[in-house]
Amino acid sequence: MTSATAINTLKYTPETCINCGMCIAVCPHGVFAPNGRAVKPVRSDACMECGACQRNCPTDAISVDSGVGCAGAMIRAALTGQKEPTCGSGGGESSSCCEG
């Protein structure tokens, strides 16, 4: 199993992948691409942790803690009326965690 980066919680197990392409079809940030017998993460740092890939993978080759990271920040921003999503727990951080 490979972990994407310390930036997010995306984990991918290529040995389990059957190359169905669902993750490619549902990922809003183009994290996965075709690669022979299995897909491969090509933009792991762009993962916003929405969970679409995990929910649509028939073999559980992908895991991600959905609702954290960029997706969580976008939801918090919408609920609190912020114009831009920010990382952290609202402690005054101003950098966007949805860059990439």
PDB file of N, CA and C in Angstrom:
ATOM      1  N   MET A   1       0.844  -1.174   0.000  1.00  0.00           N
ATOM      2  CA  MET A   1       0.000   0.000   0.000  1.00  0.00           C
ATOM      3  C   MET A   1       0.885   1.231   0.000  1.00  0.00           C
ATOM      4  N   THR A   2       0.528   2.184  -0.819  1.00  0.00           N
ATOM      5  CA  THR A   2       1.298   3.412  -0.865  1.00  0.00           C
ATOM      6  C   THR A   2       0.470   4.565  -0.330  1.00  0.00           C
ATOM      7  N   SER A   3       1.112   5.372   0.503  1.00  0.00           N
ATOM      8  CA  SER A   3       0.480   6.568   1.022  1.00  0.00           C
ATOM      9  C   SER A   3       0.827   7.704   0.084  1.00  0.00           C
ATOM     10  N   ALA A   4      -0.134   8.554  -0.200  1.00  0.00           N
ATOM     11  CA  ALA A   4       0.078   9.634  -1.162  1.00  0.00           C
ATOM     12  C   ALA A   4       1.177  10.570  -0.683  1.00  0.00           C
ATOM     13  N   THR A   5       0.922  11.286   0.322  1.00  0.00           N
ATOM     14  CA  THR A   5       1.886  12.209   0.898  1.00  0.00           C
ATOM     15  C   THR A   5       1.427  12.517   2.304  1.00  0.00           C
ATOM     16  N   ALA A   6       2.199  13.291   3.017  1.00  0.00           N
ATOM     17  CA  ALA A   6       1.782  13.713   4.343  1.00  0.00           C
ATOM     18  C   ALA A   6       0.683  14.770   4.251  1.00  0.00           C
ATOM     19  N   ILE A   7       0.391  15.252   3.035  1.00  0.00           N
ATOM     20  CA  ILE A   7      -0.610  16.285   2.836  1.00  0.00           C
ATOM     21  C   ILE A   7      -2.026  15.748   3.057  1.00  0.00           C
ATOM     22  N   ASN A   8      -2.273  14.509   2.729  1.00  0.00           N
ATOM     23  CA  ASN A   8      -3.621  13.959   2.849  1.00  0.00           C
ATOM     24  C   ASN A   8      -3.588  12.503   3.304  1.00  0.00           C
ATOM     25  N   THR A   9      -4.766  11.911   3.415  1.00  0.00           N
ATOM     26  CA  THR A   9      -4.877  10.556   3.945  1.00  0.00           C
ATOM     27  C   THR A   9      -5.069   9.499   2.864  1.00  0.00           C
ATOM     28  N   LEU A  10      -4.900   9.861   1.604  1.00  0.00           N
ATOM     29  CA  LEU A  10      -5.098   8.929   0.496  1.00  0.00           C
ATOM     30  C   LEU A  10      -4.108   7.772   0.558  1.00  0.00           C
ATOM     31  N   LYS A  11      -4.662   6.562   0.489  1.00  0.00           N
ATOM     32  CA  LYS A  11      -3.833   5.350   0.432  1.00  0.00           C
ATOM     33  C   LYS A  11      -4.355   4.487  -0.722  1.00  0.00           C
ATOM     34  N   TYR A  12      -3.432   3.925  -1.474  1.00  0.00           N
ATOM     35  CA  TYR A  12      -3.782   3.150  -2.659  1.00  0.00           C
ATOM     36  C   TYR A  12      -3.012   1.838  -2.659  1.00  0.00           C
ATOM     37  N   THR A  13      -3.711   0.733  -2.936  1.00  0.00           N
ATOM     38  CA  THR A  13      -3.104  -0.594  -2.998  1.00  0.00           C
ATOM     39  C   THR A  13      -3.197  -1.100  -4.440  1.00  0.00           C
ATOM     40  N   PRO A  14      -2.145  -0.925  -5.234  1.00  0.00           N
ATOM     41  CA  PRO A  14      -2.216  -1.302  -6.649  1.00  0.00           C
ATOM     42  C   PRO A  14      -2.454  -2.797  -6.876  1.00  0.00           C
ATOM     43  N   GLU A  15      -2.028  -3.633  -5.951  1.00  0.00           N
ATOM     44  CA  GLU A  15      -2.214  -5.081  -6.100  1.00  0.00           C
ATOM     45  C   GLU A  15      -3.696  -5.464  -6.083  1.00  0.00           C
ATOM     46  N   THR A  16      -4.525  -4.642  -5.478  1.00  0.00           N
ATOM     47  CA  THR A  16      -5.949  -4.916  -5.369  1.00  0.00           C
ATOM     48  C   THR A  16      -6.734  -4.321  -6.533  1.00  0.00           C
ATOM     49  N   CYS A  17      -6.163  -3.361  -7.230  1.00  0.00           N
ATOM     50  CA  CYS A  17      -6.827  -2.655  -8.325  1.00  0.00           C
ATOM     51  C   CYS A  17      -7.115  -3.596  -9.491  1.00  0.00           C
ATOM     52  N   ILE A  18      -8.345  -3.505 -10.042  1.00  0.00           N
ATOM     53  CA  ILE A  18      -8.718  -4.314 -11.207  1.00  0.00           C
ATOM     54  C   ILE A  18      -8.818  -3.456 -12.473  1.00  0.00           C
ATOM     55  N   ASN A  19      -8.383  -2.209 -12.396  1.00  0.00           N
ATOM     56  CA  ASN A  19      -8.348  -1.300 -13.541  1.00  0.00           C
ATOM     57  C   ASN A  19      -9.737  -1.017 -14.115  1.00  0.00           C
ATOM     58  N   CYS A  20     -10.739  -0.889 -13.241  1.00  0.00           N
ATOM     59  CA  CYS A  20     -12.094  -0.608 -13.721  1.00  0.00           C
ATOM     60  C   CYS A  20     -12.242   0.847 -14.162  1.00  0.00           C
ATOM     61  N   GLY A  21     -11.391   1.735 -13.647  1.00  0.00           N
ATOM     62  CA  GLY A  21     -11.416   3.135 -14.043  1.00  0.00           C
ATOM     63  C   GLY A  21     -12.414   4.000 -13.309  1.00  0.00           C
ATOM     64  N   MET A  22     -13.113   3.449 -12.325  1.00  0.00           N
ATOM     65  CA  MET A  22     -14.096   4.250 -11.591  1.00  0.00           C
ATOM     66  C   MET A  22     -13.458   5.436 -10.875  1.00  0.00           C
ATOM     67  N   CYS A  23     -12.295   5.231 -10.301  1.00  0.00           N
ATOM     68  CA  CYS A  23     -11.632   6.334  -9.585  1.00  0.00           C
ATOM     69  C   CYS A  23     -11.284   7.470 -10.548  1.00  0.00           C
ATOM     70  N   ILE A  24     -10.893   7.120 -11.752  1.00  0.00           N
ATOM     71  CA  ILE A  24     -10.577   8.130 -12.767  1.00  0.00           C
ATOM     72  C   ILE A  24     -11.841   8.910 -13.121  1.00  0.00           C
ATOM     73  N   ALA A  25     -12.948   8.187 -13.263  1.00  0.00           N
ATOM     74  CA  ALA A  25     -14.211   8.806 -13.672  1.00  0.00           C
ATOM     75  C   ALA A  25     -14.789   9.739 -12.606  1.00  0.00           C
ATOM     76  N   VAL A  26     -14.629   9.401 -11.336  1.00  0.00           N
ATOM     77  CA  VAL A  26     -15.302  10.180 -10.284  1.00  0.00           C
ATOM     78  C   VAL A  26     -14.420  11.211  -9.595  1.00  0.00           C
ATOM     79  N   CYS A  27     -13.120  11.160  -9.767  1.00  0.00           N
ATOM     80  CA  CYS A  27     -12.227  12.089  -9.064  1.00  0.00           C
ATOM     81  C   CYS A  27     -12.321  13.485  -9.674  1.00  0.00           C
ATOM     82  N   PRO A  28     -12.722  14.488  -8.882  1.00  0.00           N
ATOM     83  CA  PRO A  28     -12.851  15.839  -9.429  1.00  0.00           C
ATOM     84  C   PRO A  28     -11.513  16.542  -9.673  1.00  0.00           C
ATOM     85  N   HIS A  29     -10.410  15.962  -9.189  1.00  0.00           N
ATOM     86  CA  HIS A  29      -9.111  16.621  -9.330  1.00  0.00           C
ATOM     87  C   HIS A  29      -8.103  15.833 -10.161  1.00  0.00           C
ATOM     88  N   GLY A  30      -8.541  14.782 -10.842  1.00  0.00           N
ATOM     89  CA  GLY A  30      -7.652  14.030 -11.719  1.00  0.00           C
ATOM     90  C   GLY A  30      -6.470  13.396 -11.009  1.00  0.00           C
ATOM     91  N   VAL A  31      -6.730  12.830  -9.833  1.00  0.00           N
ATOM     92  CA  VAL A  31      -5.651  12.229  -9.045  1.00  0.00           C
ATOM     93  C   VAL A  31      -5.132  10.945  -9.695  1.00  0.00           C
ATOM     94  N   PHE A  32      -6.006  10.177 -10.340  1.00  0.00           N
ATOM     95  CA  PHE A  32      -5.628   8.878 -10.907  1.00  0.00           C
ATOM     96  C   PHE A  32      -5.572   8.914 -12.427  1.00  0.00           C
ATOM     97  N   ALA A  33      -4.750   8.023 -13.008  1.00  0.00           N
ATOM     98  CA  ALA A  33      -4.627   7.907 -14.462  1.00  0.00           C
ATOM     99  C   ALA A  33      -4.426   6.434 -14.824  1.00  0.00           C
ATOM    100  N   PRO A  34      -4.767   6.058 -16.060  1.00  0.00           N
ATOM    101  CA  PRO A  34      -4.540   4.680 -16.501  1.00  0.00           C
ATOM    102  C   PRO A  34      -3.048   4.340 -16.480  1.00  0.00           C
ATOM    103  N   ASN A  35      -2.756   3.073 -16.192  1.00  0.00           N
ATOM    104  CA  ASN A  35      -1.364   2.638 -16.150  1.00  0.00           C
ATOM    105  C   ASN A  35      -1.296   1.129 -16.351  1.00  0.00           C
ATOM    106  N   GLY A  36      -1.596   0.675 -17.536  1.00  0.00           N
ATOM    107  CA  GLY A  36      -1.510  -0.758 -17.811  1.00  0.00           C
ATOM    108  C   GLY A  36      -2.582  -1.553 -17.097  1.00  0.00           C
ATOM    109  N   ARG A  37      -2.174  -2.454 -16.210  1.00  0.00           N
ATOM    110  CA  ARG A  37      -3.104  -3.356 -15.546  1.00  0.00           C
ATOM    111  C   ARG A  37      -3.771  -2.753 -14.319  1.00  0.00           C
ATOM    112  N   ALA A  38      -3.323  -1.606 -13.880  1.00  0.00           N
ATOM    113  CA  ALA A  38      -3.903  -0.926 -12.717  1.00  0.00           C
ATOM    114  C   ALA A  38      -3.751   0.574 -12.915  1.00  0.00           C
ATOM    115  N   VAL A  39      -4.666   1.327 -12.321  1.00  0.00           N
ATOM    116  CA  VAL A  39      -4.508   2.785 -12.382  1.00  0.00           C
ATOM    117  C   VAL A  39      -3.361   3.178 -11.460  1.00  0.00           C
ATOM    118  N   LYS A  40      -2.939   4.425 -11.580  1.00  0.00           N
ATOM    119  CA  LYS A  40      -1.908   4.890 -10.657  1.00  0.00           C
ATOM    120  C   LYS A  40      -2.215   6.322 -10.252  1.00  0.00           C
ATOM    121  N   PRO A  41      -1.887   6.662  -9.025  1.00  0.00           N
ATOM    122  CA  PRO A  41      -2.050   8.049  -8.601  1.00  0.00           C
ATOM    123  C   PRO A  41      -0.983   8.905  -9.270  1.00  0.00           C
ATOM    124  N   VAL A  42      -1.407   9.932  -9.991  1.00  0.00           N
ATOM    125  CA  VAL A  42      -0.463  10.807 -10.678  1.00  0.00           C
ATOM    126  C   VAL A  42      -0.450  12.219 -10.092  1.00  0.00           C
ATOM    127  N   ARG A  43      -1.469  12.547  -9.310  1.00  0.00           N
ATOM    128  CA  ARG A  43      -1.550  13.863  -8.673  1.00  0.00           C
ATOM    129  C   ARG A  43      -2.037  13.695  -7.236  1.00  0.00           C
ATOM    130  N   SER A  44      -1.369  12.869  -6.474  1.00  0.00           N
ATOM    131  CA  SER A  44      -1.799  12.563  -5.108  1.00  0.00           C
ATOM    132  C   SER A  44      -1.961  13.804  -4.248  1.00  0.00           C
ATOM    133  N   ASP A  45      -1.092  14.785  -4.462  1.00  0.00           N
ATOM    134  CA  ASP A  45      -1.166  15.995  -3.650  1.00  0.00           C
ATOM    135  C   ASP A  45      -2.405  16.830  -3.970  1.00  0.00           C
ATOM    136  N   ALA A  46      -3.091  16.548  -5.076  1.00  0.00           N
ATOM    137  CA  ALA A  46      -4.307  17.274  -5.442  1.00  0.00           C
ATOM    138  C   ALA A  46      -5.558  16.670  -4.803  1.00  0.00           C
ATOM    139  N   CYS A  47      -5.418  15.551  -4.107  1.00  0.00           N
ATOM    140  CA  CYS A  47      -6.565  14.893  -3.476  1.00  0.00           C
ATOM    141  C   CYS A  47      -7.185  15.808  -2.429  1.00  0.00           C
ATOM    142  N   MET A  48      -8.495  16.066  -2.560  1.00  0.00           N
ATOM    143  CA  MET A  48      -9.197  16.905  -1.595  1.00  0.00           C
ATOM    144  C   MET A  48      -9.950  16.077  -0.560  1.00  0.00           C
ATOM    145  N   GLU A  49      -9.732  14.776  -0.573  1.00  0.00           N
ATOM    146  CA  GLU A  49     -10.285  13.846   0.408  1.00  0.00           C
ATOM    147  C   GLU A  49     -11.810  13.849   0.436  1.00  0.00           C
ATOM    148  N   CYS A  50     -12.429  13.933  -0.753  1.00  0.00           N
ATOM    149  CA  CYS A  50     -13.893  13.915  -0.822  1.00  0.00           C
ATOM    150  C   CYS A  50     -14.441  12.501  -0.619  1.00  0.00           C
ATOM    151  N   GLY A  51     -13.643  11.486  -0.925  1.00  0.00           N
ATOM    152  CA  GLY A  51     -14.055  10.097  -0.717  1.00  0.00           C
ATOM    153  C   GLY A  51     -14.732   9.444  -1.912  1.00  0.00           C
ATOM    154  N   ALA A  52     -14.891  10.168  -3.021  1.00  0.00           N
ATOM    155  CA  ALA A  52     -15.575   9.607  -4.191  1.00  0.00           C
ATOM    156  C   ALA A  52     -14.857   8.365  -4.718  1.00  0.00           C
ATOM    157  N   CYS A  53     -13.544   8.397  -4.771  1.00  0.00           N
ATOM    158  CA  CYS A  53     -12.784   7.256  -5.284  1.00  0.00           C
ATOM    159  C   CYS A  53     -12.988   6.026  -4.403  1.00  0.00           C
ATOM    160  N   GLN A  54     -12.913   6.217  -3.104  1.00  0.00           N
ATOM    161  CA  GLN A  54     -13.081   5.096  -2.171  1.00  0.00           C
ATOM    162  C   GLN A  54     -14.482   4.496  -2.269  1.00  0.00           C
ATOM    163  N   ARG A  55     -15.497   5.350  -2.315  1.00  0.00           N
ATOM    164  CA  ARG A  55     -16.883   4.868  -2.377  1.00  0.00           C
ATOM    165  C   ARG A  55     -17.172   4.118  -3.668  1.00  0.00           C
ATOM    166  N   ASN A  56     -16.455   4.437  -4.738  1.00  0.00           N
ATOM    167  CA  ASN A  56     -16.729   3.819  -6.027  1.00  0.00           C
ATOM    168  C   ASN A  56     -15.762   2.716  -6.416  1.00  0.00           C
ATOM    169  N   CYS A  57     -14.777   2.422  -5.580  1.00  0.00           N
ATOM    170  CA  CYS A  57     -13.816   1.359  -5.884  1.00  0.00           C
ATOM    171  C   CYS A  57     -14.396   0.011  -5.466  1.00  0.00           C
ATOM    172  N   PRO A  58     -14.637  -0.888  -6.433  1.00  0.00           N
ATOM    173  CA  PRO A  58     -15.263  -2.169  -6.095  1.00  0.00           C
ATOM    174  C   PRO A  58     -14.361  -3.139  -5.334  1.00  0.00           C
ATOM    175  N   THR A  59     -13.067  -2.874  -5.302  1.00  0.00           N
ATOM    176  CA  THR A  59     -12.147  -3.804  -4.643  1.00  0.00           C
ATOM    177  C   THR A  59     -11.487  -3.210  -3.389  1.00  0.00           C
ATOM    178  N   ASP A  60     -11.922  -2.045  -2.973  1.00  0.00           N
ATOM    179  CA  ASP A  60     -11.342  -1.377  -1.796  1.00  0.00           C
ATOM    180  C   ASP A  60      -9.840  -1.142  -1.934  1.00  0.00           C
ATOM    181  N   ALA A  61      -9.391  -0.841  -3.141  1.00  0.00           N
ATOM    182  CA  ALA A  61      -7.976  -0.560  -3.375  1.00  0.00           C
ATOM    183  C   ALA A  61      -7.591   0.845  -2.913  1.00  0.00           C
ATOM    184  N   ILE A  62      -8.595   1.664  -2.637  1.00  0.00           N
ATOM    185  CA  ILE A  62      -8.353   3.055  -2.244  1.00  0.00           C
ATOM    186  C   ILE A  62      -8.997   3.318  -0.901  1.00  0.00           C
ATOM    187  N   SER A  63      -8.257   4.000  -0.039  1.00  0.00           N
ATOM    188  CA  SER A  63      -8.852   4.453   1.214  1.00  0.00           C
ATOM    189  C   SER A  63      -8.450   5.894   1.448  1.00  0.00           C
ATOM    190  N   VAL A  64      -9.381   6.643   2.001  1.00  0.00           N
ATOM    191  CA  VAL A  64      -9.153   8.048   2.306  1.00  0.00           C
ATOM    192  C   VAL A  64     -10.107   8.438   3.430  1.00  0.00           C
ATOM    193  N   ASP A  65      -9.647   9.262   4.330  1.00  0.00           N
ATOM    194  CA  ASP A  65     -10.512   9.763   5.399  1.00  0.00           C
ATOM    195  C   ASP A  65     -11.299  10.931   4.848  1.00  0.00           C
ATOM    196  N   SER A  66     -12.479  10.635   4.284  1.00  0.00           N
ATOM    197  CA  SER A  66     -13.258  11.709   3.679  1.00  0.00           C
ATOM    198  C   SER A  66     -13.791  12.658   4.745  1.00  0.00           C
ATOM    199  N   GLY A  67     -13.950  13.910   4.340  1.00  0.00           N
ATOM    200  CA  GLY A  67     -14.443  14.930   5.255  1.00  0.00           C
ATOM    201  C   GLY A  67     -13.347  15.669   5.987  1.00  0.00           C
ATOM    202  N   VAL A  68     -12.110  15.348   5.683  1.00  0.00           N
ATOM    203  CA  VAL A  68     -10.984  16.079   6.260  1.00  0.00           C
ATOM    204  C   VAL A  68     -10.282  16.797   5.120  1.00  0.00           C
ATOM    205  N   GLY A  69      -9.266  17.537   5.407  1.00  0.00           N
ATOM    206  CA  GLY A  69      -8.512  18.207   4.343  1.00  0.00           C
ATOM    207  C   GLY A  69      -9.343  19.226   3.604  1.00  0.00           C
ATOM    208  N   CYS A  70      -9.155  19.292   2.303  1.00  0.00           N
ATOM    209  CA  CYS A  70      -9.803  20.305   1.472  1.00  0.00           C
ATOM    210  C   CYS A  70     -11.323  20.191   1.515  1.00  0.00           C
ATOM    211  N   ALA A  71     -11.847  18.982   1.383  1.00  0.00           N
ATOM    212  CA  ALA A  71     -13.302  18.817   1.397  1.00  0.00           C
ATOM    213  C   ALA A  71     -13.887  19.315   2.712  1.00  0.00           C
ATOM    214  N   GLY A  72     -13.237  18.962   3.814  1.00  0.00           N
ATOM    215  CA  GLY A  72     -13.701  19.426   5.123  1.00  0.00           C
ATOM    216  C   GLY A  72     -13.624  20.936   5.243  1.00  0.00           C
ATOM    217  N   ALA A  73     -12.555  21.524   4.725  1.00  0.00           N
ATOM    218  CA  ALA A  73     -12.384  22.976   4.776  1.00  0.00           C
ATOM    219  C   ALA A  73     -13.442  23.676   3.939  1.00  0.00           C
ATOM    220  N   MET A  74     -13.788  23.098   2.791  1.00  0.00           N
ATOM    221  CA  MET A  74     -14.815  23.696   1.944  1.00  0.00           C
ATOM    222  C   MET A  74     -16.176  23.657   2.636  1.00  0.00           C
ATOM    223  N   ILE A  75     -16.479  22.563   3.299  1.00  0.00           N
ATOM    224  CA  ILE A  75     -17.744  22.444   4.015  1.00  0.00           C
ATOM    225  C   ILE A  75     -17.796  23.441   5.164  1.00  0.00           C
ATOM    226  N   ARG A  76     -16.699  23.528   5.953  1.00  0.00           N
ATOM    227  CA  ARG A  76     -16.651  24.498   7.064  1.00  0.00           C
ATOM    228  C   ARG A  76     -16.817  25.923   6.553  1.00  0.00           C
ATOM    229  N   ALA A  77     -16.183  26.244   5.427  1.00  0.00           N
ATOM    230  CA  ALA A  77     -16.286  27.589   4.858  1.00  0.00           C
ATOM    231  C   ALA A  77     -17.722  27.896   4.462  1.00  0.00           C
ATOM    232  N   ALA A  78     -18.379  26.930   3.833  1.00  0.00           N
ATOM    233  CA  ALA A  78     -19.765  27.142   3.414  1.00  0.00           C
ATOM    234  C   ALA A  78     -20.688  27.324   4.616  1.00  0.00           C
ATOM    235  N   LEU A  79     -20.477  26.530   5.642  1.00  0.00           N
ATOM    236  CA  LEU A  79     -21.335  26.599   6.828  1.00  0.00           C
ATOM    237  C   LEU A  79     -21.122  27.859   7.652  1.00  0.00           C
ATOM    238  N   THR A  80     -19.911  28.398   7.600  1.00  0.00           N
ATOM    239  CA  THR A  80     -19.606  29.579   8.408  1.00  0.00           C
ATOM    240  C   THR A  80     -19.601  30.868   7.606  1.00  0.00           C
ATOM    241  N   GLY A  81     -19.879  30.797   6.305  1.00  0.00           N
ATOM    242  CA  GLY A  81     -19.966  31.979   5.471  1.00  0.00           C
ATOM    243  C   GLY A  81     -18.627  32.562   5.051  1.00  0.00           C
ATOM    244  N   GLN A  82     -17.549  31.789   5.158  1.00  0.00           N
ATOM    245  CA  GLN A  82     -16.238  32.270   4.719  1.00  0.00           C
ATOM    246  C   GLN A  82     -16.178  32.264   3.198  1.00  0.00           C
ATOM    247  N   LYS A  83     -15.440  33.210   2.627  1.00  0.00           N
ATOM    248  CA  LYS A  83     -15.284  33.258   1.171  1.00  0.00           C
ATOM    249  C   LYS A  83     -14.288  32.222   0.682  1.00  0.00           C
ATOM    250  N   GLU A  84     -13.239  31.950   1.473  1.00  0.00           N
ATOM    251  CA  GLU A  84     -12.188  31.009   1.096  1.00  0.00           C
ATOM    252  C   GLU A  84     -12.037  29.940   2.172  1.00  0.00           C
ATOM    253  N   PRO A  85     -11.903  28.665   1.778  1.00  0.00           N
ATOM    254  CA  PRO A  85     -11.638  27.621   2.769  1.00  0.00           C
ATOM    255  C   PRO A  85     -10.231  27.763   3.336  1.00  0.00           C
ATOM    256  N   THR A  86     -10.076  27.530   4.621  1.00  0.00           N
ATOM    257  CA  THR A  86      -8.757  27.581   5.244  1.00  0.00           C
ATOM    258  C   THR A  86      -8.513  26.295   6.016  1.00  0.00           C
ATOM    259  N   CYS A  87      -7.254  25.935   6.115  1.00  0.00           N
ATOM    260  CA  CYS A  87      -6.877  24.738   6.857  1.00  0.00           C
ATOM    261  C   CYS A  87      -6.916  25.027   8.351  1.00  0.00           C
ATOM    262  N   GLY A  88      -6.910  23.985   9.109  1.00  0.00           N
ATOM    263  CA  GLY A  88      -6.866  24.147  10.555  1.00  0.00           C
ATOM    264  C   GLY A  88      -8.254  24.166  11.143  1.00  0.00           C
ATOM    265  N   SER A  89      -8.318  24.437  12.411  1.00  0.00           N
ATOM    266  CA  SER A  89      -9.575  24.406  13.136  1.00  0.00           C
ATOM    267  C   SER A  89     -10.169  25.791  13.338  1.00  0.00           C
ATOM    268  N   GLY A  90      -9.781  26.730  12.517  1.00  0.00           N
ATOM    269  CA  GLY A  90     -10.332  28.059  12.645  1.00  0.00           C
ATOM    270  C   GLY A  90      -9.537  28.953  13.585  1.00  0.00           C
ATOM    271  N   GLY A  91      -8.323  28.559  13.901  1.00  0.00           N
ATOM    272  CA  GLY A  91      -7.514  29.320  14.827  1.00  0.00           C
ATOM    273  C   GLY A  91      -6.780  30.474  14.172  1.00  0.00           C
ATOM    274  N   GLY A  92      -7.385  31.089  13.161  1.00  0.00           N
ATOM    275  CA  GLY A  92      -6.778  32.253  12.548  1.00  0.00           C
ATOM    276  C   GLY A  92      -5.854  31.939  11.381  1.00  0.00           C
ATOM    277  N   GLU A  93      -5.804  30.686  10.964  1.00  0.00           N
ATOM    278  CA  GLU A  93      -4.949  30.352   9.826  1.00  0.00           C
ATOM    279  C   GLU A  93      -5.583  30.918   8.563  1.00  0.00           C
ATOM    280  N   SER A  94      -4.748  31.432   7.673  1.00  0.00           N
ATOM    281  CA  SER A  94      -5.302  32.065   6.477  1.00  0.00           C
ATOM    282  C   SER A  94      -4.917  31.374   5.183  1.00  0.00           C
ATOM    283  N   SER A  95      -4.036  30.424   5.199  1.00  0.00           N
ATOM    284  CA  SER A  95      -3.633  29.774   3.950  1.00  0.00           C
ATOM    285  C   SER A  95      -4.683  28.757   3.511  1.00  0.00           C
ATOM    286  N   SER A  96      -4.917  28.702   2.212  1.00  0.00           N
ATOM    287  CA  SER A  96      -5.882  27.760   1.678  1.00  0.00           C
ATOM    288  C   SER A  96      -5.268  26.368   1.629  1.00  0.00           C
ATOM    289  N   CYS A  97      -6.055  25.379   2.031  1.00  0.00           N
ATOM    290  CA  CYS A  97      -5.557  24.008   1.951  1.00  0.00           C
ATOM    291  C   CYS A  97      -6.074  23.335   0.689  1.00  0.00           C
ATOM    292  N   CYS A  98      -6.772  24.077  -0.137  1.00  0.00           N
ATOM    293  CA  CYS A  98      -7.310  23.523  -1.364  1.00  0.00           C
ATOM    294  C   CYS A  98      -6.527  23.958  -2.581  1.00  0.00           C
ATOM    295  N   GLU A  99      -5.293  24.360  -2.368  1.00  0.00           N
ATOM    296  CA  GLU A  99      -4.438  24.750  -3.487  1.00  0.00           C
ATOM    297  C   GLU A  99      -3.916  23.511  -4.165  1.00  0.00           C
ATOM    298  N   GLY A 100      -3.618  23.616  -5.418  1.00  0.00           N
ATOM    299  CA  GLY A 100      -3.027  22.485  -6.108  1.00  0.00           C
ATOM    300  C   GLY A 100      -3.718  22.171  -7.309  1.00  0.00           C
TER     301      GLY A 100
END
